[in-house]
Amino acid sequence: MHIQLNGETLELPEGASVADLIERLELSGRRVAVERNLDIVPRSQYASTALADGDRLEVAVSYTHLR
């Protein structure tokens, strides 16, 4: 299946979830915000939110550094 991720086309296997996407992007353990088709996906629902062909996602990563 194909999704739009931050404006770029990305191919994922059928049945992939938001959690799978985060893992593929090597963002596991980071503070990220995910918007799917204009709706924010709560972190608690990443594993249970299946992606579908044509979904549009925006992923934002927090890069705050502690001193």
Protein backbone atom coordinates (compact mmCIF):
# COMPACT_ATOMS: atom_id res chain seq x y z
CA MET A 1 0.00 0.00 0.00
CA HIS A 2 1.07 3.61 -0.50
CA ILE A 3 0.67 6.43 2.00
CA GLN A 4 1.68 10.08 1.98
CA LEU A 5 4.15 10.83 4.77
CA ASN A 6 4.94 14.50 5.27
CA GLY A 7 4.12 15.06 1.60
CA GLU A 8 6.23 12.15 0.26
CA THR A 9 4.93 8.82 -1.03
CA LEU A 10 5.96 5.81 1.05
CA GLU A 11 5.21 2.15 0.43
CA LEU A 12 4.26 0.00 3.43
CA PRO A 13 3.10 -3.59 3.74
CA GLU A 14 -0.64 -4.20 3.97
CA GLY A 15 -1.86 -4.16 7.57
CA ALA A 16 0.89 -1.83 8.83
CA SER A 17 0.02 0.23 11.89
CA VAL A 18 1.16 3.64 13.07
CA ALA A 19 3.50 1.79 15.48
CA ASP A 20 5.01 -0.10 12.52
CA LEU A 21 5.58 3.19 10.72
CA ILE A 22 7.28 4.74 13.76
CA GLU A 23 9.55 1.69 14.01
CA ARG A 24 10.38 1.80 10.29
CA LEU A 25 11.31 5.47 10.63
CA GLU A 26 13.58 4.53 13.57
CA LEU A 27 11.70 6.90 15.85
CA SER A 28 10.82 4.38 18.58
CA GLY A 29 11.40 5.86 22.02
CA ARG A 30 11.34 9.44 20.73
CA ARG A 31 8.68 12.03 21.37
CA VAL A 32 6.62 12.10 18.20
CA ALA A 33 3.22 13.40 17.20
CA VAL A 34 1.27 11.66 14.44
CA GLU A 35 -1.61 13.09 12.43
CA ARG A 36 -3.54 10.69 10.18
CA ASN A 37 -5.97 12.19 7.68
CA LEU A 38 -6.13 15.43 9.72
CA ASP A 39 -6.80 13.62 13.05
CA ILE A 40 -4.22 13.33 15.83
CA VAL A 41 -3.49 9.71 16.75
CA PRO A 42 -3.02 9.29 20.52
CA ARG A 43 0.21 7.48 21.42
CA SER A 44 -1.85 4.83 23.22
CA GLN A 45 -3.47 3.95 19.88
CA TYR A 46 -0.37 3.69 17.67
CA ALA A 47 -0.34 -0.13 17.73
CA SER A 48 -4.07 -0.47 17.10
CA THR A 49 -4.35 2.16 14.36
CA ALA A 50 -4.09 0.35 11.04
CA LEU A 51 -3.00 2.35 8.03
CA ALA A 52 -4.82 2.16 4.70
CA ASP A 53 -3.81 2.80 1.13
CA GLY A 54 -3.96 6.53 0.43
CA ASP A 55 -3.72 7.67 4.07
CA ARG A 56 -2.04 11.02 4.59
CA LEU A 57 0.21 11.24 7.62
CA GLU A 58 2.23 13.99 9.19
CA VAL A 59 4.87 12.99 11.73
CA ALA A 60 6.59 15.58 13.89
CA VAL A 61 9.56 14.77 16.12
CA SER A 62 10.63 16.73 19.18
CA TYR A 63 14.36 17.38 19.23
CA THR A 64 14.58 19.19 22.57
CA HIS A 65 17.89 18.74 24.32
CA LEU A 66 18.48 18.97 28.06
CA ARG A 67 21.47 20.83 29.34
